[in-house]
């Protein structure tokens, strides 16, 4: 069973994505910020991560840099409502697979996950 890590500070987003991808046959774990996300990442060993950019404590940009430093090529998909906060070229240049803007369209997100997992 493929494993997905969802890192987002919005409880409703974490809950919706966990339920949606669990119903699609994935094992899903969630974290409310990048710092907790790194702990879950190390314990859970996911196959893909869905990561919000703007979060307290450790943001998605910092989380992504930390993961890709240790695991180059690991599939990370950014899910954000604030794409203007960071330059998309800089984010994609770090090794992020795709950037999906909120509000999320679950069918589109599912296609992106299928393509990258």
PDB file of N, CA and C in Angstrom:
ATOM      1  N   UNK A   1       0.840  -1.179   0.000  1.00  0.00           N
ATOM      2  CA  UNK A   1       0.000   0.000   0.000  1.00  0.00           C
ATOM      3  C   UNK A   1       0.887   1.245   0.000  1.00  0.00           C
ATOM      4  N   UNK A   2       0.633   2.160  -0.932  1.00  0.00           N
ATOM      5  CA  UNK A   2       1.394   3.396  -1.016  1.00  0.00           C
ATOM      6  C   UNK A   2       0.988   4.336   0.113  1.00  0.00           C
ATOM      7  N   UNK A   3       1.960   5.139   0.578  1.00  0.00           N
ATOM      8  CA  UNK A   3       1.736   6.001   1.738  1.00  0.00           C
ATOM      9  C   UNK A   3       1.883   7.475   1.365  1.00  0.00           C
ATOM     10  N   UNK A   4       0.940   8.279   1.861  1.00  0.00           N
ATOM     11  CA  UNK A   4       0.930   9.717   1.613  1.00  0.00           C
ATOM     12  C   UNK A   4       0.993  10.457   2.940  1.00  0.00           C
ATOM     13  N   UNK A   5       1.850  11.475   2.993  1.00  0.00           N
ATOM     14  CA  UNK A   5       1.925  12.372   4.133  1.00  0.00           C
ATOM     15  C   UNK A   5       1.306  13.703   3.726  1.00  0.00           C
ATOM     16  N   UNK A   6       0.353  14.192   4.530  1.00  0.00           N
ATOM     17  CA  UNK A   6      -0.279  15.492   4.302  1.00  0.00           C
ATOM     18  C   UNK A   6       0.198  16.441   5.403  1.00  0.00           C
ATOM     19  N   UNK A   7       0.850  17.543   4.999  1.00  0.00           N
ATOM     20  CA  UNK A   7       1.352  18.530   5.958  1.00  0.00           C
ATOM     21  C   UNK A   7       0.637  19.847   5.662  1.00  0.00           C
ATOM     22  N   UNK A   8      -0.279  20.221   6.550  1.00  0.00           N
ATOM     23  CA  UNK A   8      -1.083  21.430   6.350  1.00  0.00           C
ATOM     24  C   UNK A   8      -1.584  21.896   7.711  1.00  0.00           C
ATOM     25  N   UNK A   9      -1.547  23.201   7.952  1.00  0.00           N
ATOM     26  CA  UNK A   9      -1.996  23.712   9.244  1.00  0.00           C
ATOM     27  C   UNK A   9      -3.517  23.802   9.358  1.00  0.00           C
ATOM     28  N   UNK A  10      -4.239  23.630   8.271  1.00  0.00           N
ATOM     29  CA  UNK A  10      -5.705  23.671   8.306  1.00  0.00           C
ATOM     30  C   UNK A  10      -6.254  22.272   8.598  1.00  0.00           C
ATOM     31  N   UNK A  11      -6.886  22.146   9.751  1.00  0.00           N
ATOM     32  CA  UNK A  11      -7.418  20.857  10.195  1.00  0.00           C
ATOM     33  C   UNK A  11      -8.369  20.260   9.162  1.00  0.00           C
ATOM     34  N   UNK A  12      -9.275  21.081   8.613  1.00  0.00           N
ATOM     35  CA  UNK A  12     -10.255  20.575   7.654  1.00  0.00           C
ATOM     36  C   UNK A  12      -9.589  20.004   6.403  1.00  0.00           C
ATOM     37  N   UNK A  13      -8.537  20.665   5.927  1.00  0.00           N
ATOM     38  CA  UNK A  13      -7.819  20.166   4.744  1.00  0.00           C
ATOM     39  C   UNK A  13      -7.183  18.809   5.058  1.00  0.00           C
ATOM     40  N   UNK A  14      -6.522  18.707   6.208  1.00  0.00           N
ATOM     41  CA  UNK A  14      -5.901  17.432   6.594  1.00  0.00           C
ATOM     42  C   UNK A  14      -6.946  16.329   6.657  1.00  0.00           C
ATOM     43  N   UNK A  15      -8.071  16.630   7.279  1.00  0.00           N
ATOM     44  CA  UNK A  15      -9.123  15.625   7.456  1.00  0.00           C
ATOM     45  C   UNK A  15      -9.714  15.190   6.107  1.00  0.00           C
ATOM     46  N   UNK A  16     -10.017  16.148   5.244  1.00  0.00           N
ATOM     47  CA  UNK A  16     -10.589  15.833   3.929  1.00  0.00           C
ATOM     48  C   UNK A  16      -9.617  14.993   3.105  1.00  0.00           C
ATOM     49  N   UNK A  17      -8.351  15.405   3.070  1.00  0.00           N
ATOM     50  CA  UNK A  17      -7.372  14.675   2.262  1.00  0.00           C
ATOM     51  C   UNK A  17      -7.095  13.289   2.827  1.00  0.00           C
ATOM     52  N   UNK A  18      -7.061  13.177   4.146  1.00  0.00           N
ATOM     53  CA  UNK A  18      -6.850  11.855   4.754  1.00  0.00           C
ATOM     54  C   UNK A  18      -7.997  10.917   4.383  1.00  0.00           C
ATOM     55  N   UNK A  19      -9.222  11.393   4.519  1.00  0.00           N
ATOM     56  CA  UNK A  19     -10.375  10.550   4.196  1.00  0.00           C
ATOM     57  C   UNK A  19     -10.416  10.223   2.698  1.00  0.00           C
ATOM     58  N   UNK A  20     -10.208  11.218   1.849  1.00  0.00           N
ATOM     59  CA  UNK A  20     -10.263  11.034   0.397  1.00  0.00           C
ATOM     60  C   UNK A  20      -9.253   9.997  -0.072  1.00  0.00           C
ATOM     61  N   UNK A  21      -7.988  10.150   0.350  1.00  0.00           N
ATOM     62  CA  UNK A  21      -6.958   9.231  -0.142  1.00  0.00           C
ATOM     63  C   UNK A  21      -7.011   7.869   0.551  1.00  0.00           C
ATOM     64  N   UNK A  22      -7.521   7.808   1.768  1.00  0.00           N
ATOM     65  CA  UNK A  22      -7.725   6.514   2.423  1.00  0.00           C
ATOM     66  C   UNK A  22      -8.771   5.709   1.643  1.00  0.00           C
ATOM     67  N   UNK A  23      -9.842   6.377   1.226  1.00  0.00           N
ATOM     68  CA  UNK A  23     -10.875   5.704   0.433  1.00  0.00           C
ATOM     69  C   UNK A  23     -10.340   5.238  -0.917  1.00  0.00           C
ATOM     70  N   UNK A  24      -9.291   5.888  -1.411  1.00  0.00           N
ATOM     71  CA  UNK A  24      -8.674   5.496  -2.676  1.00  0.00           C
ATOM     72  C   UNK A  24      -7.624   4.393  -2.482  1.00  0.00           C
ATOM     73  N   UNK A  25      -7.455   3.926  -1.229  1.00  0.00           N
ATOM     74  CA  UNK A  25      -6.567   2.799  -0.980  1.00  0.00           C
ATOM     75  C   UNK A  25      -5.165   3.144  -0.509  1.00  0.00           C
ATOM     76  N   UNK A  26      -4.940   4.397  -0.137  1.00  0.00           N
ATOM     77  CA  UNK A  26      -3.628   4.801   0.367  1.00  0.00           C
ATOM     78  C   UNK A  26      -3.624   4.777   1.890  1.00  0.00           C
ATOM     79  N   UNK A  27      -2.440   4.612   2.449  1.00  0.00           N
ATOM     80  CA  UNK A  27      -2.239   4.818   3.869  1.00  0.00           C
ATOM     81  C   UNK A  27      -1.843   6.284   4.029  1.00  0.00           C
ATOM     82  N   UNK A  28      -2.522   7.015   4.917  1.00  0.00           N
ATOM     83  CA  UNK A  28      -2.318   8.454   5.028  1.00  0.00           C
ATOM     84  C   UNK A  28      -2.028   8.851   6.466  1.00  0.00           C
ATOM     85  N   UNK A  29      -1.018   9.681   6.649  1.00  0.00           N
ATOM     86  CA  UNK A  29      -0.718  10.310   7.937  1.00  0.00           C
ATOM     87  C   UNK A  29      -0.709  11.809   7.708  1.00  0.00           C
ATOM     88  N   UNK A  30      -1.007  12.569   8.763  1.00  0.00           N
ATOM     89  CA  UNK A  30      -1.049  14.019   8.637  1.00  0.00           C
ATOM     90  C   UNK A  30      -0.188  14.689   9.701  1.00  0.00           C
ATOM     91  N   UNK A  31       0.144  15.961   9.420  1.00  0.00           N
ATOM     92  CA  UNK A  31       0.891  16.786  10.370  1.00  0.00           C
ATOM     93  C   UNK A  31       0.444  18.232  10.185  1.00  0.00           C
ATOM     94  N   UNK A  32       0.433  18.993  11.297  1.00  0.00           N
ATOM     95  CA  UNK A  32      -0.080  20.352  11.257  1.00  0.00           C
ATOM     96  C   UNK A  32       0.969  21.420  10.969  1.00  0.00           C
ATOM     97  N   UNK A  33       2.229  21.034  10.866  1.00  0.00           N
ATOM     98  CA  UNK A  33       3.290  21.973  10.497  1.00  0.00           C
ATOM     99  C   UNK A  33       4.509  21.181  10.026  1.00  0.00           C
ATOM    100  N   UNK A  34       5.474  21.897   9.483  1.00  0.00           N
ATOM    101  CA  UNK A  34       6.647  21.226   8.929  1.00  0.00           C
ATOM    102  C   UNK A  34       7.479  20.482   9.947  1.00  0.00           C
ATOM    103  N   UNK A  35       7.574  21.036  11.147  1.00  0.00           N
ATOM    104  CA  UNK A  35       8.378  20.375  12.186  1.00  0.00           C
ATOM    105  C   UNK A  35       7.784  19.009  12.539  1.00  0.00           C
ATOM    106  N   UNK A  36       6.490  18.982  12.796  1.00  0.00           N
ATOM    107  CA  UNK A  36       5.813  17.709  13.066  1.00  0.00           C
ATOM    108  C   UNK A  36       5.855  16.826  11.824  1.00  0.00           C
ATOM    109  N   UNK A  37       5.731  17.460  10.661  1.00  0.00           N
ATOM    110  CA  UNK A  37       5.790  16.727   9.401  1.00  0.00           C
ATOM    111  C   UNK A  37       7.084  15.955   9.235  1.00  0.00           C
ATOM    112  N   UNK A  38       8.207  16.562   9.631  1.00  0.00           N
ATOM    113  CA  UNK A  38       9.501  15.865   9.535  1.00  0.00           C
ATOM    114  C   UNK A  38       9.546  14.656  10.454  1.00  0.00           C
ATOM    115  N   UNK A  39       8.970  14.783  11.647  1.00  0.00           N
ATOM    116  CA  UNK A  39       8.932  13.651  12.582  1.00  0.00           C
ATOM    117  C   UNK A  39       8.094  12.513  11.991  1.00  0.00           C
ATOM    118  N   UNK A  40       6.919  12.867  11.458  1.00  0.00           N
ATOM    119  CA  UNK A  40       6.040  11.851  10.864  1.00  0.00           C
ATOM    120  C   UNK A  40       6.716  11.243   9.635  1.00  0.00           C
ATOM    121  N   UNK A  41       7.370  12.083   8.836  1.00  0.00           N
ATOM    122  CA  UNK A  41       8.080  11.612   7.645  1.00  0.00           C
ATOM    123  C   UNK A  41       9.085  10.531   8.022  1.00  0.00           C
ATOM    124  N   UNK A  42       9.868  10.781   9.050  1.00  0.00           N
ATOM    125  CA  UNK A  42      10.909   9.829   9.462  1.00  0.00           C
ATOM    126  C   UNK A  42      10.327   8.523   9.996  1.00  0.00           C
ATOM    127  N   UNK A  43       9.197   8.597  10.705  1.00  0.00           N
ATOM    128  CA  UNK A  43       8.575   7.393  11.260  1.00  0.00           C
ATOM    129  C   UNK A  43       7.739   6.628  10.231  1.00  0.00           C
ATOM    130  N   UNK A  44       7.061   7.358   9.346  1.00  0.00           N
ATOM    131  CA  UNK A  44       6.074   6.789   8.433  1.00  0.00           C
ATOM    132  C   UNK A  44       6.670   6.354   7.094  1.00  0.00           C
ATOM    133  N   UNK A  45       7.762   6.988   6.684  1.00  0.00           N
ATOM    134  CA  UNK A  45       8.414   6.718   5.396  1.00  0.00           C
ATOM    135  C   UNK A  45       7.413   6.748   4.234  1.00  0.00           C
ATOM    136  N   UNK A  46       6.808   7.911   3.981  1.00  0.00           N
ATOM    137  CA  UNK A  46       5.803   7.993   2.925  1.00  0.00           C
ATOM    138  C   UNK A  46       6.407   7.865   1.530  1.00  0.00           C
ATOM    139  N   UNK A  47       5.532   7.625   0.561  1.00  0.00           N
ATOM    140  CA  UNK A  47       5.935   7.554  -0.839  1.00  0.00           C
ATOM    141  C   UNK A  47       5.767   8.896  -1.540  1.00  0.00           C
ATOM    142  N   UNK A  48       5.002   9.813  -0.918  1.00  0.00           N
ATOM    143  CA  UNK A  48       4.721  11.120  -1.495  1.00  0.00           C
ATOM    144  C   UNK A  48       4.226  12.024  -0.379  1.00  0.00           C
ATOM    145  N   UNK A  49       4.487  13.341  -0.507  1.00  0.00           N
ATOM    146  CA  UNK A  49       3.989  14.302   0.475  1.00  0.00           C
ATOM    147  C   UNK A  49       3.212  15.415  -0.221  1.00  0.00           C
ATOM    148  N   UNK A  50       2.079  15.772   0.382  1.00  0.00           N
ATOM    149  CA  UNK A  50       1.287  16.931  -0.022  1.00  0.00           C
ATOM    150  C   UNK A  50       1.527  17.991   1.047  1.00  0.00           C
ATOM    151  N   UNK A  51       2.070  19.144   0.651  1.00  0.00           N
ATOM    152  CA  UNK A  51       2.582  20.107   1.626  1.00  0.00           C
ATOM    153  C   UNK A  51       2.057  21.516   1.353  1.00  0.00           C
ATOM    154  N   UNK A  52       1.481  22.133   2.384  1.00  0.00           N
ATOM    155  CA  UNK A  52       1.078  23.529   2.327  1.00  0.00           C
ATOM    156  C   UNK A  52       2.330  24.388   2.491  1.00  0.00           C
ATOM    157  N   UNK A  53       2.307  25.607   1.946  1.00  0.00           N
ATOM    158  CA  UNK A  53       3.465  26.491   2.085  1.00  0.00           C
ATOM    159  C   UNK A  53       3.458  27.276   3.387  1.00  0.00           C
ATOM    160  N   UNK A  54       2.368  27.985   3.663  1.00  0.00           N
ATOM    161  CA  UNK A  54       2.329  28.871   4.820  1.00  0.00           C
ATOM    162  C   UNK A  54       1.757  28.165   6.031  1.00  0.00           C
ATOM    163  N   UNK A  55       2.658  27.867   6.986  1.00  0.00           N
ATOM    164  CA  UNK A  55       2.280  27.188   8.220  1.00  0.00           C
ATOM    165  C   UNK A  55       3.128  27.758   9.347  1.00  0.00           C
ATOM    166  N   UNK A  56       2.625  27.683  10.583  1.00  0.00           N
ATOM    167  CA  UNK A  56       3.436  28.138  11.720  1.00  0.00           C
ATOM    168  C   UNK A  56       4.559  27.146  12.031  1.00  0.00           C
ATOM    169  N   UNK A  57       5.481  27.579  12.839  1.00  0.00           N
ATOM    170  CA  UNK A  57       6.612  26.810  13.364  1.00  0.00           C
ATOM    171  C   UNK A  57       7.627  26.499  12.261  1.00  0.00           C
ATOM    172  N   UNK A  58       7.291  25.668  11.299  1.00  0.00           N
ATOM    173  CA  UNK A  58       8.146  25.411  10.141  1.00  0.00           C
ATOM    174  C   UNK A  58       7.251  25.382   8.923  1.00  0.00           C
ATOM    175  N   UNK A  59       7.519  26.281   7.966  1.00  0.00           N
ATOM    176  CA  UNK A  59       6.648  26.354   6.798  1.00  0.00           C
ATOM    177  C   UNK A  59       6.974  25.261   5.784  1.00  0.00           C
ATOM    178  N   UNK A  60       6.163  25.187   4.745  1.00  0.00           N
ATOM    179  CA  UNK A  60       6.322  24.148   3.740  1.00  0.00           C
ATOM    180  C   UNK A  60       7.592  24.267   2.928  1.00  0.00           C
ATOM    181  N   UNK A  61       8.053  25.505   2.729  1.00  0.00           N
ATOM    182  CA  UNK A  61       9.307  25.731   2.009  1.00  0.00           C
ATOM    183  C   UNK A  61      10.467  25.116   2.798  1.00  0.00           C
ATOM    184  N   UNK A  62      10.506  25.373   4.099  1.00  0.00           N
ATOM    185  CA  UNK A  62      11.564  24.824   4.963  1.00  0.00           C
ATOM    186  C   UNK A  62      11.464  23.305   5.047  1.00  0.00           C
ATOM    187  N   UNK A  63      10.242  22.788   5.187  1.00  0.00           N
ATOM    188  CA  UNK A  63      10.031  21.339   5.229  1.00  0.00           C
ATOM    189  C   UNK A  63      10.557  20.693   3.951  1.00  0.00           C
ATOM    190  N   UNK A  64      10.201  21.274   2.817  1.00  0.00           N
ATOM    191  CA  UNK A  64      10.603  20.730   1.524  1.00  0.00           C
ATOM    192  C   UNK A  64      12.114  20.717   1.377  1.00  0.00           C
ATOM    193  N   UNK A  65      12.763  21.803   1.750  1.00  0.00           N
ATOM    194  CA  UNK A  65      14.224  21.862   1.680  1.00  0.00           C
ATOM    195  C   UNK A  65      14.863  20.778   2.538  1.00  0.00           C
ATOM    196  N   UNK A  66      14.329  20.583   3.738  1.00  0.00           N
ATOM    197  CA  UNK A  66      14.887  19.580   4.653  1.00  0.00           C
ATOM    198  C   UNK A  66      14.718  18.168   4.099  1.00  0.00           C
ATOM    199  N   UNK A  67      13.535  17.864   3.562  1.00  0.00           N
ATOM    200  CA  UNK A  67      13.284  16.520   3.027  1.00  0.00           C
ATOM    201  C   UNK A  67      14.145  16.260   1.803  1.00  0.00           C
ATOM    202  N   UNK A  68      14.172  17.220   0.883  1.00  0.00           N
ATOM    203  CA  UNK A  68      14.902  17.001  -0.367  1.00  0.00           C
ATOM    204  C   UNK A  68      16.416  16.987  -0.176  1.00  0.00           C
ATOM    205  N   UNK A  69      16.886  17.606   0.894  1.00  0.00           N
ATOM    206  CA  UNK A  69      18.319  17.549   1.193  1.00  0.00           C
ATOM    207  C   UNK A  69      18.732  16.111   1.537  1.00  0.00           C
ATOM    208  N   UNK A  70      17.889  15.428   2.302  1.00  0.00           N
ATOM    209  CA  UNK A  70      18.185  14.048   2.700  1.00  0.00           C
ATOM    210  C   UNK A  70      17.686  13.016   1.695  1.00  0.00           C
ATOM    211  N   UNK A  71      16.644  13.374   0.937  1.00  0.00           N
ATOM    212  CA  UNK A  71      16.008  12.435   0.008  1.00  0.00           C
ATOM    213  C   UNK A  71      15.787  13.110  -1.346  1.00  0.00           C
ATOM    214  N   UNK A  72      16.860  13.380  -2.075  1.00  0.00           N
ATOM    215  CA  UNK A  72      16.700  14.050  -3.378  1.00  0.00           C
ATOM    216  C   UNK A  72      15.768  13.254  -4.290  1.00  0.00           C
ATOM    217  N   UNK A  73      14.896  13.979  -4.970  1.00  0.00           N
ATOM    218  CA  UNK A  73      13.974  13.326  -5.883  1.00  0.00           C
ATOM    219  C   UNK A  73      12.678  12.850  -5.249  1.00  0.00           C
ATOM    220  N   UNK A  74      12.568  12.977  -3.916  1.00  0.00           N
ATOM    221  CA  UNK A  74      11.331  12.544  -3.251  1.00  0.00           C
ATOM    222  C   UNK A  74      10.165  13.376  -3.781  1.00  0.00           C
ATOM    223  N   UNK A  75       9.029  12.740  -4.118  1.00  0.00           N
ATOM    224  CA  UNK A  75       7.905  13.481  -4.696  1.00  0.00           C
ATOM    225  C   UNK A  75       7.134  14.319  -3.671  1.00  0.00           C
ATOM    226  N   UNK A  76       7.264  15.629  -3.815  1.00  0.00           N
ATOM    227  CA  UNK A  76       6.525  16.581  -2.990  1.00  0.00           C
ATOM    228  C   UNK A  76       5.636  17.409  -3.903  1.00  0.00           C
ATOM    229  N   UNK A  77       4.374  17.511  -3.521  1.00  0.00           N
ATOM    230  CA  UNK A  77       3.415  18.346  -4.233  1.00  0.00           C
ATOM    231  C   UNK A  77       2.980  19.444  -3.273  1.00  0.00           C
ATOM    232  N   UNK A  78       3.160  20.680  -3.684  1.00  0.00           N
ATOM    233  CA  UNK A  78       2.763  21.815  -2.859  1.00  0.00           C
ATOM    234  C   UNK A  78       1.289  22.101  -3.107  1.00  0.00           C
ATOM    235  N   UNK A  79       0.535  22.245  -2.008  1.00  0.00           N
ATOM    236  CA  UNK A  79      -0.865  22.654  -2.093  1.00  0.00           C
ATOM    237  C   UNK A  79      -0.972  23.969  -1.334  1.00  0.00           C
ATOM    238  N   UNK A  80      -1.338  25.050  -2.011  1.00  0.00           N
ATOM    239  CA  UNK A  80      -1.311  26.351  -1.363  1.00  0.00           C
ATOM    240  C   UNK A  80      -2.366  27.303  -1.902  1.00  0.00           C
ATOM    241  N   UNK A  81      -2.796  28.182  -1.039  1.00  0.00           N
ATOM    242  CA  UNK A  81      -3.672  29.261  -1.449  1.00  0.00           C
ATOM    243  C   UNK A  81      -2.896  30.546  -1.624  1.00  0.00           C
ATOM    244  N   UNK A  82      -1.594  30.514  -1.330  1.00  0.00           N
ATOM    245  CA  UNK A  82      -0.768  31.717  -1.342  1.00  0.00           C
ATOM    246  C   UNK A  82       0.438  31.550  -2.250  1.00  0.00           C
ATOM    247  N   UNK A  83       0.203  31.253  -3.488  1.00  0.00           N
ATOM    248  CA  UNK A  83       1.314  30.981  -4.396  1.00  0.00           C
ATOM    249  C   UNK A  83       2.171  32.213  -4.662  1.00  0.00           C
ATOM    250  N   UNK A  84       1.667  33.414  -4.367  1.00  0.00           N
ATOM    251  CA  UNK A  84       2.448  34.629  -4.608  1.00  0.00           C
ATOM    252  C   UNK A  84       3.503  34.867  -3.537  1.00  0.00           C
ATOM    253  N   UNK A  85       3.415  34.161  -2.423  1.00  0.00           N
ATOM    254  CA  UNK A  85       4.386  34.342  -1.344  1.00  0.00           C
ATOM    255  C   UNK A  85       5.782  33.889  -1.766  1.00  0.00           C
ATOM    256  N   UNK A  86       5.838  32.929  -2.648  1.00  0.00           N
ATOM    257  CA  UNK A  86       7.107  32.404  -3.134  1.00  0.00           C
ATOM    258  C   UNK A  86       7.069  32.369  -4.649  1.00  0.00           C
ATOM    259  N   UNK A  87       8.200  32.504  -5.264  1.00  0.00           N
ATOM    260  CA  UNK A  87       8.301  32.415  -6.708  1.00  0.00           C
ATOM    261  C   UNK A  87       8.129  30.953  -7.119  1.00  0.00           C
ATOM    262  N   UNK A  88       7.187  30.687  -8.025  1.00  0.00           N
ATOM    263  CA  UNK A  88       6.935  29.306  -8.437  1.00  0.00           C
ATOM    264  C   UNK A  88       8.169  28.659  -9.048  1.00  0.00           C
ATOM    265  N   UNK A  89       8.971  29.419  -9.781  1.00  0.00           N
ATOM    266  CA  UNK A  89      10.182  28.852 -10.371  1.00  0.00           C
ATOM    267  C   UNK A  89      11.160  28.410  -9.293  1.00  0.00           C
ATOM    268  N   UNK A  90      11.247  29.195  -8.207  1.00  0.00           N
ATOM    269  CA  UNK A  90      12.129  28.813  -7.100  1.00  0.00           C
ATOM    270  C   UNK A  90      11.652  27.529  -6.430  1.00  0.00           C
ATOM    271  N   UNK A  91      10.342  27.410  -6.241  1.00  0.00           N
ATOM    272  CA  UNK A  91       9.781  26.219  -5.601  1.00  0.00           C
ATOM    273  C   UNK A  91       9.998  24.994  -6.484  1.00  0.00           C
ATOM    274  N   UNK A  92       9.644  25.117  -7.748  1.00  0.00           N
ATOM    275  CA  UNK A  92       9.834  23.987  -8.667  1.00  0.00           C
ATOM    276  C   UNK A  92      11.317  23.678  -8.844  1.00  0.00           C
ATOM    277  N   UNK A  93      12.152  24.690  -8.790  1.00  0.00           N
ATOM    278  CA  UNK A  93      13.600  24.502  -8.910  1.00  0.00           C
ATOM    279  C   UNK A  93      14.204  23.726  -7.754  1.00  0.00           C
ATOM    280  N   UNK A  94      13.508  23.715  -6.608  1.00  0.00           N
ATOM    281  CA  UNK A  94      13.977  22.937  -5.449  1.00  0.00           C
ATOM    282  C   UNK A  94      13.784  21.452  -5.683  1.00  0.00           C
ATOM    283  N   UNK A  95      12.916  21.109  -6.605  1.00  0.00           N
ATOM    284  CA  UNK A  95      12.645  19.697  -6.837  1.00  0.00           C
ATOM    285  C   UNK A  95      11.204  19.311  -6.574  1.00  0.00           C
ATOM    286  N   UNK A  96      10.354  20.293  -6.253  1.00  0.00           N
ATOM    287  CA  UNK A  96       8.929  20.030  -6.061  1.00  0.00           C
ATOM    288  C   UNK A  96       8.345  19.568  -7.387  1.00  0.00           C
ATOM    289  N   UNK A  97       7.481  18.564  -7.344  1.00  0.00           N
ATOM    290  CA  UNK A  97       6.909  18.010  -8.578  1.00  0.00           C
ATOM    291  C   UNK A  97       5.887  18.941  -9.200  1.00  0.00           C
ATOM    292  N   UNK A  98       4.962  19.451  -8.368  1.00  0.00           N
ATOM    293  CA  UNK A  98       3.904  20.326  -8.883  1.00  0.00           C
ATOM    294  C   UNK A  98       3.415  21.237  -7.772  1.00  0.00           C
ATOM    295  N   UNK A  99       2.754  22.325  -8.183  1.00  0.00           N
ATOM    296  CA  UNK A  99       2.101  23.239  -7.253  1.00  0.00           C
ATOM    297  C   UNK A  99       0.619  23.253  -7.607  1.00  0.00           C
ATOM    298  N   UNK A 100      -0.208  22.917  -6.626  1.00  0.00           N
ATOM    299  CA  UNK A 100      -1.656  22.910  -6.808  1.00  0.00           C
ATOM    300  C   UNK A 100      -2.233  24.023  -5.940  1.00  0.00           C
ATOM    301  N   UNK A 101      -3.051  24.884  -6.539  1.00  0.00           N
ATOM    302  CA  UNK A 101      -3.636  26.002  -5.802  1.00  0.00           C
ATOM    303  C   UNK A 101      -4.935  25.595  -5.123  1.00  0.00           C
ATOM    304  N   UNK A 102      -5.114  26.131  -3.916  1.00  0.00           N
ATOM    305  CA  UNK A 102      -6.377  25.970  -3.199  1.00  0.00           C
ATOM    306  C   UNK A 102      -7.344  27.017  -3.732  1.00  0.00           C
ATOM    307  N   UNK A 103      -8.649  26.782  -3.724  1.00  0.00           N
ATOM    308  CA  UNK A 103      -9.294  25.580  -3.205  1.00  0.00           C
ATOM    309  C   UNK A 103      -8.988  24.366  -4.077  1.00  0.00           C
ATOM    310  N   UNK A 104      -8.803  23.252  -3.419  1.00  0.00           N
ATOM    311  CA  UNK A 104      -8.385  22.031  -4.101  1.00  0.00           C
ATOM    312  C   UNK A 104      -9.527  21.398  -4.880  1.00  0.00           C
ATOM    313  N   UNK A 105      -9.199  20.920  -6.052  1.00  0.00           N
ATOM    314  CA  UNK A 105     -10.108  20.074  -6.828  1.00  0.00           C
ATOM    315  C   UNK A 105      -9.591  18.654  -6.640  1.00  0.00           C
ATOM    316  N   UNK A 106     -10.323  17.856  -5.876  1.00  0.00           N
ATOM    317  CA  UNK A 106      -9.831  16.542  -5.481  1.00  0.00           C
ATOM    318  C   UNK A 106      -9.536  15.629  -6.661  1.00  0.00           C
ATOM    319  N   UNK A 107     -10.340  15.687  -7.718  1.00  0.00           N
ATOM    320  CA  UNK A 107     -10.070  14.842  -8.884  1.00  0.00           C
ATOM    321  C   UNK A 107      -8.737  15.208  -9.527  1.00  0.00           C
ATOM    322  N   UNK A 108      -8.468  16.498  -9.649  1.00  0.00           N
ATOM    323  CA  UNK A 108      -7.192  16.944 -10.232  1.00  0.00           C
ATOM    324  C   UNK A 108      -6.033  16.552  -9.325  1.00  0.00           C
ATOM    325  N   UNK A 109      -6.204  16.759  -8.020  1.00  0.00           N
ATOM    326  CA  UNK A 109      -5.156  16.394  -7.077  1.00  0.00           C
ATOM    327  C   UNK A 109      -4.880  14.895  -7.135  1.00  0.00           C
ATOM    328  N   UNK A 110      -5.929  14.103  -7.244  1.00  0.00           N
ATOM    329  CA  UNK A 110      -5.775  12.650  -7.337  1.00  0.00           C
ATOM    330  C   UNK A 110      -4.970  12.258  -8.581  1.00  0.00           C
ATOM    331  N   UNK A 111      -5.241  12.914  -9.685  1.00  0.00           N
ATOM    332  CA  UNK A 111      -4.480  12.647 -10.929  1.00  0.00           C
ATOM    333  C   UNK A 111      -3.012  12.965 -10.731  1.00  0.00           C
ATOM    334  N   UNK A 112      -2.723  14.083 -10.087  1.00  0.00           N
ATOM    335  CA  UNK A 112      -1.336  14.490  -9.854  1.00  0.00           C
ATOM    336  C   UNK A 112      -0.636  13.489  -8.930  1.00  0.00           C
ATOM    337  N   UNK A 113      -1.331  13.040  -7.897  1.00  0.00           N
ATOM    338  CA  UNK A 113      -0.761  12.046  -6.979  1.00  0.00           C
ATOM    339  C   UNK A 113      -0.480  10.752  -7.737  1.00  0.00           C
ATOM    340  N   UNK A 114      -1.447  10.265  -8.497  1.00  0.00           N
ATOM    341  CA  UNK A 114      -1.265   9.023  -9.271  1.00  0.00           C
ATOM    342  C   UNK A 114      -0.056   9.105 -10.188  1.00  0.00           C
ATOM    343  N   UNK A 115       0.144  10.257 -10.775  1.00  0.00           N
ATOM    344  CA  UNK A 115       1.247  10.457 -11.727  1.00  0.00           C
ATOM    345  C   UNK A 115       2.613  10.483 -11.023  1.00  0.00           C
ATOM    346  N   UNK A 116       2.625  10.866  -9.753  1.00  0.00           N
ATOM    347  CA  UNK A 116       3.904  11.090  -9.062  1.00  0.00           C
ATOM    348  C   UNK A 116       4.255  10.071  -7.993  1.00  0.00           C
ATOM    349  N   UNK A 117       3.335   9.200  -7.671  1.00  0.00           N
ATOM    350  CA  UNK A 117       3.614   8.257  -6.573  1.00  0.00           C
ATOM    351  C   UNK A 117       4.278   6.977  -7.090  1.00  0.00           C
TER     352      UNK A 117
END
